[in-house]
Amino acid sequence: MKKQKIAALIMCGTLLMSGCSLINRNNEVLDLPPNPQSFDQVYNQEDGDTTIEVYGRTYSYFGQVKGKMSNDSIRECLGYVGGDKNLRIYSLCDDPYDNYIMVKYIGGIMEQPSFLRAVDTREQDVYTPSYIESSGYECWGSSGIHYEMPEAQIRFVCNAENVMLIDYEVMVNGEYAGCGQTGYITYKEITKGDVFELEMNEATYGSKADKDKPFDVAVTFMVTDTDNNVYEVDGVYEREMMFGAVRGGLEIRYDETRGYYLYEDV
């Protein structure tokens, strides 16, 4: 049996990108936007915490660069801190929930960025880009990080012949969550018995699924045969899932009476 992994959705950003160089201060991605906004930095004498409020969300200093990062990890410049236009704030491509922002001083030669984390994530474990390392600030206490995006996985077997492509559509908690396609890039026939893994990661669903609670998944399939005919697969795969869960026992079969249909070995 061959096993292939397929992503449940095409993501707009790039996740878990490893960098090849330190940030180049001359790169255009570091430039200020037109009419840049100034964000105030506030120091609290009681707890020694320094925060910046950015578009209604408050961030506190959390960490530093772990090894290296790439310019490709920067999504956009949001503005600057106080009256210093060289002290700039950036969002990160690798952080789909904007739990982090980056502050970097542009005027220096070897200045390293700092990362601030949203204070509403305190005492939580949140997905963190691999190049961010905690500096151990006391105010963050037991707040945790994880460098891998939690995912739910559905394994299914193509137990039919003359199949070239398999399309699928995913619903989460009754809402459309995305679609995709699997098969060989050369459009050759899928071998009967090939195993596929439909992976649904945390970033895929946004507000549709809670990371720590069960959510309902419904998946429907379409088959394109080797003559380029397209058929609906009879049946809907419906399950309650959680991130981290793996479901198996699902097959796409064929007989002359039903055509292509879903079979569950439960």
C-alpha atoms as a PDB file:
ATOM      1  CA  MET A   1       0.000   0.000   0.000  1.00  0.00           C
ATOM      2  CA  LYS A   2       1.129   3.495  -0.779  1.00  0.00           C
ATOM      3  CA  LYS A   3       0.332   6.301   1.635  1.00  0.00           C
ATOM      4  CA  GLN A   4      -0.092   9.908   0.535  1.00  0.00           C
ATOM      5  CA  LYS A   5      -0.790  13.011   2.575  1.00  0.00           C
ATOM      6  CA  ILE A   6      -3.166  15.707   1.379  1.00  0.00           C
ATOM      7  CA  ALA A   7      -3.944  19.063   2.936  1.00  0.00           C
ATOM      8  CA  ALA A   8      -7.563  19.924   3.641  1.00  0.00           C
ATOM      9  CA  LEU A   9      -7.208  23.473   2.357  1.00  0.00           C
ATOM     10  CA  ILE A  10      -4.799  25.615   0.388  1.00  0.00           C
ATOM     11  CA  MET A  11      -3.452  28.143   2.860  1.00  0.00           C
ATOM     12  CA  CYS A  12      -2.916  31.802   1.940  1.00  0.00           C
ATOM     13  CA  GLY A  13       0.229  32.135   4.046  1.00  0.00           C
ATOM     14  CA  THR A  14       3.270  29.923   4.477  1.00  0.00           C
ATOM     15  CA  LEU A  15       3.468  27.962   7.708  1.00  0.00           C
ATOM     16  CA  LEU A  16       6.537  26.799   9.581  1.00  0.00           C
ATOM     17  CA  MET A  17       8.951  28.395   7.145  1.00  0.00           C
ATOM     18  CA  SER A  18      12.565  27.968   8.148  1.00  0.00           C
ATOM     19  CA  GLY A  19      14.794  30.934   7.520  1.00  0.00           C
ATOM     20  CA  CYS A  20      18.112  30.960   5.716  1.00  0.00           C
ATOM     21  CA  SER A  21      19.448  34.319   6.841  1.00  0.00           C
ATOM     22  CA  LEU A  22      19.068  37.061   9.386  1.00  0.00           C
ATOM     23  CA  ILE A  23      16.650  39.833   8.497  1.00  0.00           C
ATOM     24  CA  ASN A  24      18.075  42.148   5.850  1.00  0.00           C
ATOM     25  CA  ARG A  25      17.375  45.689   6.983  1.00  0.00           C
ATOM     26  CA  ASN A  26      17.356  46.903   3.349  1.00  0.00           C
ATOM     27  CA  ASN A  27      14.587  44.570   2.255  1.00  0.00           C
ATOM     28  CA  GLU A  28      11.436  46.353   1.086  1.00  0.00           C
ATOM     29  CA  VAL A  29       9.236  44.288   3.385  1.00  0.00           C
ATOM     30  CA  LEU A  30      10.662  46.331   6.279  1.00  0.00           C
ATOM     31  CA  ASP A  31       9.485  49.635   4.787  1.00  0.00           C
ATOM     32  CA  LEU A  32       6.781  51.681   6.496  1.00  0.00           C
ATOM     33  CA  PRO A  33       3.347  51.644   4.850  1.00  0.00           C
ATOM     34  CA  PRO A  34       1.815  54.843   3.423  1.00  0.00           C
ATOM     35  CA  ASN A  35       0.564  57.104   6.237  1.00  0.00           C
ATOM     36  CA  PRO A  36       1.987  54.837   8.953  1.00  0.00           C
ATOM     37  CA  GLN A  37       0.341  54.699  12.356  1.00  0.00           C
ATOM     38  CA  SER A  38       2.185  55.316  15.608  1.00  0.00           C
ATOM     39  CA  PHE A  39       1.490  52.892  18.475  1.00  0.00           C
ATOM     40  CA  ASP A  40       2.163  53.817  22.099  1.00  0.00           C
ATOM     41  CA  GLN A  41       4.394  51.704  24.314  1.00  0.00           C
ATOM     42  CA  VAL A  42       3.213  51.693  27.945  1.00  0.00           C
ATOM     43  CA  TYR A  43       5.304  50.722  30.969  1.00  0.00           C
ATOM     44  CA  ASN A  44       3.459  49.530  34.076  1.00  0.00           C
ATOM     45  CA  GLN A  45       5.521  50.304  37.201  1.00  0.00           C
ATOM     46  CA  GLU A  46       3.504  47.934  39.404  1.00  0.00           C
ATOM     47  CA  ASP A  47       4.316  44.746  37.534  1.00  0.00           C
ATOM     48  CA  GLY A  48       7.210  45.922  35.361  1.00  0.00           C
ATOM     49  CA  ASP A  49       5.367  44.931  32.195  1.00  0.00           C
ATOM     50  CA  THR A  50       5.689  46.887  28.948  1.00  0.00           C
ATOM     51  CA  THR A  51       2.804  46.627  26.499  1.00  0.00           C
ATOM     52  CA  ILE A  52       1.781  47.918  23.073  1.00  0.00           C
ATOM     53  CA  GLU A  53      -1.821  48.049  21.912  1.00  0.00           C
ATOM     54  CA  VAL A  54      -2.187  47.271  18.202  1.00  0.00           C
ATOM     55  CA  TYR A  55      -5.614  47.535  16.590  1.00  0.00           C
ATOM     56  CA  GLY A  56      -7.459  46.781  19.813  1.00  0.00           C
ATOM     57  CA  ARG A  57      -5.253  43.917  21.007  1.00  0.00           C
ATOM     58  CA  THR A  58      -2.613  44.342  23.695  1.00  0.00           C
ATOM     59  CA  TYR A  59       0.817  42.733  23.348  1.00  0.00           C
ATOM     60  CA  SER A  60       3.589  42.250  25.911  1.00  0.00           C
ATOM     61  CA  TYR A  61       7.275  41.483  25.366  1.00  0.00           C
ATOM     62  CA  PHE A  62       7.754  37.715  25.206  1.00  0.00           C
ATOM     63  CA  GLY A  63      10.790  36.469  23.306  1.00  0.00           C
ATOM     64  CA  GLN A  64      13.673  36.726  20.905  1.00  0.00           C
ATOM     65  CA  VAL A  65      14.919  35.105  17.691  1.00  0.00           C
ATOM     66  CA  LYS A  66      15.722  31.412  17.997  1.00  0.00           C
ATOM     67  CA  GLY A  67      18.527  30.840  15.513  1.00  0.00           C
ATOM     68  CA  LYS A  68      17.629  32.557  12.240  1.00  0.00           C
ATOM     69  CA  MET A  69      14.545  33.743  10.411  1.00  0.00           C
ATOM     70  CA  SER A  70      13.791  34.799   6.854  1.00  0.00           C
ATOM     71  CA  ASN A  71      12.333  38.006   5.469  1.00  0.00           C
ATOM     72  CA  ASP A  72       9.650  35.773   3.969  1.00  0.00           C
ATOM     73  CA  SER A  73       8.332  35.284   7.499  1.00  0.00           C
ATOM     74  CA  ILE A  74       7.262  38.961   7.668  1.00  0.00           C
ATOM     75  CA  ARG A  75       3.757  39.686   6.441  1.00  0.00           C
ATOM     76  CA  GLU A  76       3.637  43.493   6.633  1.00  0.00           C
ATOM     77  CA  CYS A  77       4.749  46.574   8.517  1.00  0.00           C
ATOM     78  CA  LEU A  78       1.958  47.823  10.781  1.00  0.00           C
ATOM     79  CA  GLY A  79       3.541  51.108  11.843  1.00  0.00           C
ATOM     80  CA  TYR A  80       6.052  52.280  14.406  1.00  0.00           C
ATOM     81  CA  VAL A  81       6.419  52.706  18.174  1.00  0.00           C
ATOM     82  CA  GLY A  82       5.954  56.126  19.736  1.00  0.00           C
ATOM     83  CA  GLY A  83       7.710  58.881  17.839  1.00  0.00           C
ATOM     84  CA  ASP A  84      10.536  56.737  16.494  1.00  0.00           C
ATOM     85  CA  LYS A  85       9.835  55.748  12.894  1.00  0.00           C
ATOM     86  CA  ASN A  86      12.855  53.445  12.945  1.00  0.00           C
ATOM     87  CA  LEU A  87      11.313  51.277  15.677  1.00  0.00           C
ATOM     88  CA  ARG A  88       8.793  49.380  13.604  1.00  0.00           C
ATOM     89  CA  ILE A  89       6.078  46.804  14.214  1.00  0.00           C
ATOM     90  CA  TYR A  90       5.446  43.833  11.937  1.00  0.00           C
ATOM     91  CA  SER A  91       2.938  41.019  11.605  1.00  0.00           C
ATOM     92  CA  LEU A  92       4.155  37.504  10.770  1.00  0.00           C
ATOM     93  CA  CYS A  93       3.147  35.213   7.901  1.00  0.00           C
ATOM     94  CA  ASP A  94       3.789  32.188  10.072  1.00  0.00           C
ATOM     95  CA  ASP A  95       1.298  33.257  12.762  1.00  0.00           C
ATOM     96  CA  PRO A  96      -2.256  32.812  11.403  1.00  0.00           C
ATOM     97  CA  TYR A  97      -3.889  34.049  14.619  1.00  0.00           C
ATOM     98  CA  ASP A  98      -1.728  37.152  15.082  1.00  0.00           C
ATOM     99  CA  ASN A  99      -0.822  36.016  18.582  1.00  0.00           C
ATOM    100  CA  TYR A 100       2.578  37.622  18.035  1.00  0.00           C
ATOM    101  CA  ILE A 101       3.970  40.838  16.618  1.00  0.00           C
ATOM    102  CA  MET A 102       7.600  41.678  15.923  1.00  0.00           C
ATOM    103  CA  VAL A 103       9.329  44.931  16.867  1.00  0.00           C
ATOM    104  CA  LYS A 104      12.599  45.769  15.159  1.00  0.00           C
ATOM    105  CA  TYR A 105      14.824  48.832  15.194  1.00  0.00           C
ATOM    106  CA  ILE A 106      15.808  49.605  11.605  1.00  0.00           C
ATOM    107  CA  GLY A 107      18.510  52.233  12.246  1.00  0.00           C
ATOM    108  CA  GLY A 108      21.113  49.819  13.612  1.00  0.00           C
ATOM    109  CA  ILE A 109      23.392  47.385  11.818  1.00  0.00           C
ATOM    110  CA  MET A 110      23.056  44.253  13.967  1.00  0.00           C
ATOM    111  CA  GLU A 111      19.812  45.020  15.785  1.00  0.00           C
ATOM    112  CA  GLN A 112      17.838  41.846  16.518  1.00  0.00           C
ATOM    113  CA  PRO A 113      14.021  41.852  16.644  1.00  0.00           C
ATOM    114  CA  SER A 114      11.893  41.316  19.723  1.00  0.00           C
ATOM    115  CA  PHE A 115       8.616  39.412  19.737  1.00  0.00           C
ATOM    116  CA  LEU A 116       5.574  40.475  21.714  1.00  0.00           C
ATOM    117  CA  ARG A 117       2.706  38.130  22.504  1.00  0.00           C
ATOM    118  CA  ALA A 118      -0.969  38.961  22.947  1.00  0.00           C
ATOM    119  CA  VAL A 119      -1.748  39.192  26.667  1.00  0.00           C
ATOM    120  CA  ASP A 120      -5.072  37.398  26.158  1.00  0.00           C
ATOM    121  CA  THR A 121      -3.037  34.218  25.547  1.00  0.00           C
ATOM    122  CA  ARG A 122      -1.521  34.172  29.033  1.00  0.00           C
ATOM    123  CA  GLU A 123      -1.749  30.780  30.765  1.00  0.00           C
ATOM    124  CA  GLN A 124      -2.477  29.183  27.391  1.00  0.00           C
ATOM    125  CA  ASP A 125      -0.415  27.022  25.041  1.00  0.00           C
ATOM    126  CA  VAL A 126      -0.440  28.646  21.618  1.00  0.00           C
ATOM    127  CA  TYR A 127       1.061  27.847  18.237  1.00  0.00           C
ATOM    128  CA  THR A 128       4.346  29.726  17.913  1.00  0.00           C
ATOM    129  CA  PRO A 129       6.547  30.154  14.825  1.00  0.00           C
ATOM    130  CA  SER A 130       9.653  28.009  15.140  1.00  0.00           C
ATOM    131  CA  TYR A 131      12.047  30.994  15.194  1.00  0.00           C
ATOM    132  CA  ILE A 132      10.533  32.545  18.368  1.00  0.00           C
ATOM    133  CA  GLU A 133      12.119  31.626  21.691  1.00  0.00           C
ATOM    134  CA  SER A 134      10.776  32.657  25.087  1.00  0.00           C
ATOM    135  CA  SER A 135      12.961  35.081  27.045  1.00  0.00           C
ATOM    136  CA  GLY A 136      11.487  33.815  30.316  1.00  0.00           C
ATOM    137  CA  TYR A 137       9.764  37.009  31.419  1.00  0.00           C
ATOM    138  CA  GLU A 138       8.061  36.480  34.772  1.00  0.00           C
ATOM    139  CA  CYS A 139       4.751  37.980  33.630  1.00  0.00           C
ATOM    140  CA  TRP A 140       4.239  35.063  31.204  1.00  0.00           C
ATOM    141  CA  GLY A 141       4.478  32.482  33.977  1.00  0.00           C
ATOM    142  CA  SER A 142       3.261  29.092  32.769  1.00  0.00           C
ATOM    143  CA  SER A 143       2.117  30.326  29.367  1.00  0.00           C
ATOM    144  CA  GLY A 144       3.258  27.670  26.918  1.00  0.00           C
ATOM    145  CA  ILE A 145       4.205  27.362  23.280  1.00  0.00           C
ATOM    146  CA  HIS A 146       4.016  24.602  20.710  1.00  0.00           C
ATOM    147  CA  TYR A 147       5.877  24.632  17.424  1.00  0.00           C
ATOM    148  CA  GLU A 148       3.677  22.178  15.551  1.00  0.00           C
ATOM    149  CA  MET A 149       0.208  23.039  14.298  1.00  0.00           C
ATOM    150  CA  PRO A 150      -2.307  20.576  15.796  1.00  0.00           C
ATOM    151  CA  GLU A 151      -4.235  18.693  13.170  1.00  0.00           C
ATOM    152  CA  ALA A 152      -6.994  16.157  12.778  1.00  0.00           C
ATOM    153  CA  GLN A 153      -6.499  13.385  10.255  1.00  0.00           C
ATOM    154  CA  ILE A 154      -8.849  11.185   8.237  1.00  0.00           C
ATOM    155  CA  ARG A 155      -7.280   8.194   6.507  1.00  0.00           C
ATOM    156  CA  PHE A 156      -9.085   6.609   3.586  1.00  0.00           C
ATOM    157  CA  VAL A 157      -8.338   3.885   1.077  1.00  0.00           C
ATOM    158  CA  CYS A 158      -9.104   4.049  -2.634  1.00  0.00           C
ATOM    159  CA  ASN A 159     -10.421   0.514  -3.000  1.00  0.00           C
ATOM    160  CA  ALA A 160     -11.606   0.931  -6.594  1.00  0.00           C
ATOM    161  CA  GLU A 161     -10.029   0.656 -10.010  1.00  0.00           C
ATOM    162  CA  ASN A 162      -9.857   3.132 -12.902  1.00  0.00           C
ATOM    163  CA  VAL A 163      -9.645   6.156 -10.564  1.00  0.00           C
ATOM    164  CA  MET A 164      -7.458   9.096 -11.591  1.00  0.00           C
ATOM    165  CA  LEU A 165      -8.426  11.897  -9.156  1.00  0.00           C
ATOM    166  CA  ILE A 166     -10.369  12.202  -5.921  1.00  0.00           C
ATOM    167  CA  ASP A 167     -11.930  15.560  -5.007  1.00  0.00           C
ATOM    168  CA  TYR A 168     -13.345  16.300  -1.580  1.00  0.00           C
ATOM    169  CA  GLU A 169     -15.292  19.008   0.211  1.00  0.00           C
ATOM    170  CA  VAL A 170     -15.087  19.585   3.966  1.00  0.00           C
ATOM    171  CA  MET A 171     -17.775  21.020   6.245  1.00  0.00           C
ATOM    172  CA  VAL A 172     -16.940  21.912   9.853  1.00  0.00           C
ATOM    173  CA  ASN A 173     -19.723  22.486  12.379  1.00  0.00           C
ATOM    174  CA  GLY A 174     -22.141  22.880   9.485  1.00  0.00           C
ATOM    175  CA  GLU A 175     -20.067  25.523   7.685  1.00  0.00           C
ATOM    176  CA  TYR A 176     -18.145  25.170   4.447  1.00  0.00           C
ATOM    177  CA  ALA A 177     -14.448  24.842   5.349  1.00  0.00           C
ATOM    178  CA  GLY A 178     -12.776  24.117   2.029  1.00  0.00           C
ATOM    179  CA  CYS A 179     -12.100  21.623  -0.722  1.00  0.00           C
ATOM    180  CA  GLY A 180      -9.189  19.879  -2.338  1.00  0.00           C
ATOM    181  CA  GLN A 181      -8.028  17.190  -4.695  1.00  0.00           C
ATOM    182  CA  THR A 182      -5.640  14.285  -4.558  1.00  0.00           C
ATOM    183  CA  GLY A 183      -4.061  11.941  -7.060  1.00  0.00           C
ATOM    184  CA  TYR A 184      -0.829  11.811  -9.011  1.00  0.00           C
ATOM    185  CA  ILE A 185       0.624  14.967 -10.526  1.00  0.00           C
ATOM    186  CA  THR A 186       1.109  13.040 -13.766  1.00  0.00           C
ATOM    187  CA  TYR A 187      -2.600  12.082 -13.771  1.00  0.00           C
ATOM    188  CA  LYS A 188      -1.792   8.399 -13.842  1.00  0.00           C
ATOM    189  CA  GLU A 189      -4.248   5.898 -12.424  1.00  0.00           C
ATOM    190  CA  ILE A 190      -4.427   5.581  -8.648  1.00  0.00           C
ATOM    191  CA  THR A 191      -3.443   2.067  -7.620  1.00  0.00           C
ATOM    192  CA  LYS A 192      -6.229   0.154  -5.915  1.00  0.00           C
ATOM    193  CA  GLY A 193      -5.365   0.021  -2.218  1.00  0.00           C
ATOM    194  CA  ASP A 194      -3.557   3.374  -2.064  1.00  0.00           C
ATOM    195  CA  VAL A 195      -3.991   5.061   1.317  1.00  0.00           C
ATOM    196  CA  PHE A 196      -4.546   8.833   1.596  1.00  0.00           C
ATOM    197  CA  GLU A 197      -4.437  11.093   4.652  1.00  0.00           C
ATOM    198  CA  LEU A 198      -6.683  14.131   4.672  1.00  0.00           C
ATOM    199  CA  GLU A 199      -5.128  16.494   7.199  1.00  0.00           C
ATOM    200  CA  MET A 200      -7.026  19.383   8.780  1.00  0.00           C
ATOM    201  CA  ASN A 201      -4.801  21.682  10.790  1.00  0.00           C
ATOM    202  CA  GLU A 202      -5.618  24.295  13.386  1.00  0.00           C
ATOM    203  CA  ALA A 203      -5.036  27.232  11.063  1.00  0.00           C
ATOM    204  CA  THR A 204      -7.365  25.856   8.388  1.00  0.00           C
ATOM    205  CA  TYR A 205     -10.608  26.598  10.171  1.00  0.00           C
ATOM    206  CA  GLY A 206     -10.116  29.899  11.930  1.00  0.00           C
ATOM    207  CA  SER A 207     -13.195  30.388  14.099  1.00  0.00           C
ATOM    208  CA  LYS A 208     -15.001  27.310  12.766  1.00  0.00           C
ATOM    209  CA  ALA A 209     -13.407  24.884  15.225  1.00  0.00           C
ATOM    210  CA  ASP A 210     -12.174  25.327  18.780  1.00  0.00           C
ATOM    211  CA  LYS A 211      -8.713  23.912  19.381  1.00  0.00           C
ATOM    212  CA  ASP A 212      -9.648  22.242  22.657  1.00  0.00           C
ATOM    213  CA  LYS A 213     -13.205  21.107  21.916  1.00  0.00           C
ATOM    214  CA  PRO A 214     -14.783  18.502  19.632  1.00  0.00           C
ATOM    215  CA  PHE A 215     -16.096  19.684  16.275  1.00  0.00           C
ATOM    216  CA  ASP A 216     -18.297  18.023  13.649  1.00  0.00           C
ATOM    217  CA  VAL A 217     -16.749  17.143  10.288  1.00  0.00           C
ATOM    218  CA  ALA A 218     -18.641  16.114   7.142  1.00  0.00           C
ATOM    219  CA  VAL A 219     -16.658  15.122   4.044  1.00  0.00           C
ATOM    220  CA  THR A 220     -18.070  14.367   0.598  1.00  0.00           C
ATOM    221  CA  PHE A 221     -16.075  12.985  -2.322  1.00  0.00           C
ATOM    222  CA  MET A 222     -16.049  13.083  -6.129  1.00  0.00           C
ATOM    223  CA  VAL A 223     -14.149  10.670  -8.365  1.00  0.00           C
ATOM    224  CA  THR A 224     -12.657  11.328 -11.790  1.00  0.00           C
ATOM    225  CA  ASP A 225     -12.023   8.083 -13.640  1.00  0.00           C
ATOM    226  CA  THR A 226      -9.306   7.363 -16.175  1.00  0.00           C
ATOM    227  CA  ASP A 227     -11.669   8.404 -19.000  1.00  0.00           C
ATOM    228  CA  ASN A 228     -12.138  11.836 -17.359  1.00  0.00           C
ATOM    229  CA  ASN A 229     -15.704  11.081 -16.293  1.00  0.00           C
ATOM    230  CA  VAL A 230     -16.691  12.659 -12.960  1.00  0.00           C
ATOM    231  CA  TYR A 231     -18.914  10.846 -10.438  1.00  0.00           C
ATOM    232  CA  GLU A 232     -20.295  11.710  -7.026  1.00  0.00           C
ATOM    233  CA  VAL A 233     -19.293   9.216  -4.361  1.00  0.00           C
ATOM    234  CA  ASP A 234     -22.403   7.950  -2.602  1.00  0.00           C
ATOM    235  CA  GLY A 235     -22.389   8.736   1.110  1.00  0.00           C
ATOM    236  CA  VAL A 236     -21.089  11.383   3.515  1.00  0.00           C
ATOM    237  CA  TYR A 237     -18.329  10.780   6.025  1.00  0.00           C
ATOM    238  CA  GLU A 238     -19.555  12.363   9.271  1.00  0.00           C
ATOM    239  CA  ARG A 239     -17.593  12.280  12.485  1.00  0.00           C
ATOM    240  CA  GLU A 240     -16.928  14.245  15.653  1.00  0.00           C
ATOM    241  CA  MET A 241     -13.243  15.155  15.635  1.00  0.00           C
ATOM    242  CA  MET A 242     -10.684  16.974  17.756  1.00  0.00           C
ATOM    243  CA  PHE A 243      -7.287  18.297  16.772  1.00  0.00           C
ATOM    244  CA  GLY A 244      -4.848  15.483  17.333  1.00  0.00           C
ATOM    245  CA  ALA A 245      -7.392  12.775  16.512  1.00  0.00           C
ATOM    246  CA  VAL A 246      -6.833  10.223  13.732  1.00  0.00           C
ATOM    247  CA  ARG A 247      -9.746   8.442  12.077  1.00  0.00           C
ATOM    248  CA  GLY A 248      -9.409   5.406   9.819  1.00  0.00           C
ATOM    249  CA  GLY A 249     -11.470   2.610   8.341  1.00  0.00           C
ATOM    250  CA  LEU A 250     -12.875   4.653   5.449  1.00  0.00           C
ATOM    251  CA  GLU A 251     -12.840   3.313   1.887  1.00  0.00           C
ATOM    252  CA  ILE A 252     -14.008   4.436  -1.526  1.00  0.00           C
ATOM    253  CA  ARG A 253     -15.415   1.384  -3.306  1.00  0.00           C
ATOM    254  CA  TYR A 254     -17.219   0.652  -6.570  1.00  0.00           C
ATOM    255  CA  ASP A 255     -19.858  -1.752  -7.775  1.00  0.00           C
ATOM    256  CA  GLU A 256     -22.025  -1.719 -10.882  1.00  0.00           C
ATOM    257  CA  THR A 257     -25.245  -1.125  -8.927  1.00  0.00           C
ATOM    258  CA  ARG A 258     -24.205   1.736  -6.628  1.00  0.00           C
ATOM    259  CA  GLY A 259     -21.289   3.138  -8.567  1.00  0.00           C
ATOM    260  CA  TYR A 260     -18.674   4.740  -6.326  1.00  0.00           C
ATOM    261  CA  TYR A 261     -19.631   4.702  -2.645  1.00  0.00           C
ATOM    262  CA  LEU A 262     -18.177   5.140   0.833  1.00  0.00           C
ATOM    263  CA  TYR A 263     -17.608   2.097   3.010  1.00  0.00           C
ATOM    264  CA  GLU A 264     -16.659   2.250   6.675  1.00  0.00           C
ATOM    265  CA  ASP A 265     -14.962  -0.619   8.428  1.00  0.00           C
ATOM    266  CA  VAL A 266     -16.078   0.131  11.982  1.00  0.00           C
END
